[in-house]
Amino acid sequence: MILEKLKEKIIEKSKENAEYREILLKDPKAIFEKEAGKKLKDDITIQVEEETPNKVVVVLPSNTEELSDSDLDSVSGGGILDILFG
């Protein structure tokens, strides 16, 4: 499962289940691990922000200059989950 599909799945479940949404906001790493069926690497963090009428969330794309050559190869081949989950 690619990262975008995983995020879509999690967002949809959070729309349908208030308890799931609450856990996602408090412990997003646990939700991502549960849905992916794999443990995230220790140095990976997951941040979930909820937009409200008074709060706008802007997500900046990552600076790819910071990725190693092997990481760039993985990302370009759709292997971002390999980077996150090892």
Protein backbone atom coordinates (compact mmCIF):
# COMPACT_ATOMS: atom_id res chain seq x y z
CA MET A 1 0.00 0.00 0.00
CA ILE A 2 1.45 3.37 -0.95
CA LEU A 3 1.50 6.21 1.57
CA GLU A 4 -1.27 8.25 -0.08
CA LYS A 5 -3.63 5.24 -0.06
CA LEU A 6 -2.79 4.62 3.60
CA LYS A 7 -3.51 8.25 4.49
CA GLU A 8 -6.79 8.18 2.54
CA LYS A 9 -7.86 5.02 4.37
CA ILE A 10 -7.07 6.56 7.76
CA ILE A 11 -8.86 9.83 6.94
CA GLU A 12 -11.98 7.99 5.77
CA LYS A 13 -12.06 5.86 8.93
CA SER A 14 -11.67 8.98 11.06
CA LYS A 15 -14.72 10.52 9.38
CA GLU A 16 -16.82 7.48 10.24
CA ASN A 17 -15.62 6.77 13.78
CA ALA A 18 -15.23 9.50 16.42
CA GLU A 19 -13.22 7.27 18.78
CA TYR A 20 -10.80 6.35 15.99
CA ARG A 21 -10.45 10.08 15.15
CA GLU A 22 -9.68 10.90 18.78
CA ILE A 23 -6.96 8.22 18.92
CA LEU A 24 -5.57 9.43 15.58
CA LEU A 25 -5.21 12.95 16.98
CA LYS A 26 -3.59 11.72 20.23
CA ASP A 27 -1.40 8.89 18.90
CA PRO A 28 -1.13 9.03 15.10
CA LYS A 29 1.90 6.75 15.00
CA ALA A 30 -0.09 3.92 16.60
CA ILE A 31 -2.87 4.32 14.04
CA PHE A 32 -0.45 4.29 11.09
CA GLU A 33 1.28 1.19 12.46
CA LYS A 34 -2.05 -0.56 13.01
CA GLU A 35 -3.35 0.24 9.53
CA ALA A 36 -0.08 -0.65 7.80
CA GLY A 37 0.42 -3.78 9.87
CA LYS A 38 4.04 -2.80 10.47
CA LYS A 39 6.02 -0.92 13.10
CA LEU A 40 7.36 2.47 12.05
CA LYS A 41 11.06 3.15 12.47
CA ASP A 42 11.83 4.77 15.82
CA ASP A 43 13.01 8.03 14.24
CA ILE A 44 9.78 8.53 12.26
CA THR A 45 7.15 10.88 13.64
CA ILE A 46 3.58 11.29 12.44
CA GLN A 47 1.78 14.57 13.01
CA VAL A 48 -1.97 15.00 12.56
CA GLU A 49 -3.58 18.42 12.72
CA GLU A 50 -7.28 19.09 12.53
CA GLU A 51 -8.39 22.14 10.57
CA THR A 52 -11.10 24.25 12.15
CA PRO A 53 -12.87 27.43 11.03
CA ASN A 54 -10.19 29.36 12.98
CA LYS A 55 -7.19 27.23 12.07
CA VAL A 56 -5.67 26.64 8.64
CA VAL A 57 -3.08 23.90 8.22
CA VAL A 58 -0.43 24.27 5.51
CA VAL A 59 1.76 21.29 4.68
CA LEU A 60 5.04 22.07 2.98
CA PRO A 61 6.55 19.44 0.69
CA SER A 62 9.73 17.83 1.97
CA ASN A 63 13.06 19.18 0.88
CA THR A 64 14.31 16.28 -1.25
CA GLU A 65 17.89 17.55 -0.97
CA GLU A 66 17.88 16.06 2.53
CA LEU A 67 17.19 12.49 1.28
CA SER A 68 20.02 10.08 0.55
CA ASP A 69 20.44 8.70 -2.96
CA SER A 70 18.95 5.35 -1.90
CA ASP A 71 15.99 7.10 -0.27
CA LEU A 72 15.42 9.12 -3.44
CA ASP A 73 15.45 5.91 -5.47
CA SER A 74 12.88 4.38 -3.11
CA VAL A 75 10.62 7.43 -3.24
CA SER A 76 10.75 7.70 -7.02
CA GLY A 77 9.86 4.00 -7.24
CA GLY A 78 6.89 4.42 -4.87
CA GLY A 79 8.75 2.86 -1.95
CA ILE A 80 8.21 5.59 0.63
CA LEU A 81 6.66 3.05 2.98
CA ASP A 82 9.94 1.13 2.90
CA ILE A 83 11.68 4.27 4.18
CA LEU A 84 9.10 4.77 6.94
CA PHE A 85 8.67 1.17 8.04
CA GLY A 86 12.10 -0.24 7.16
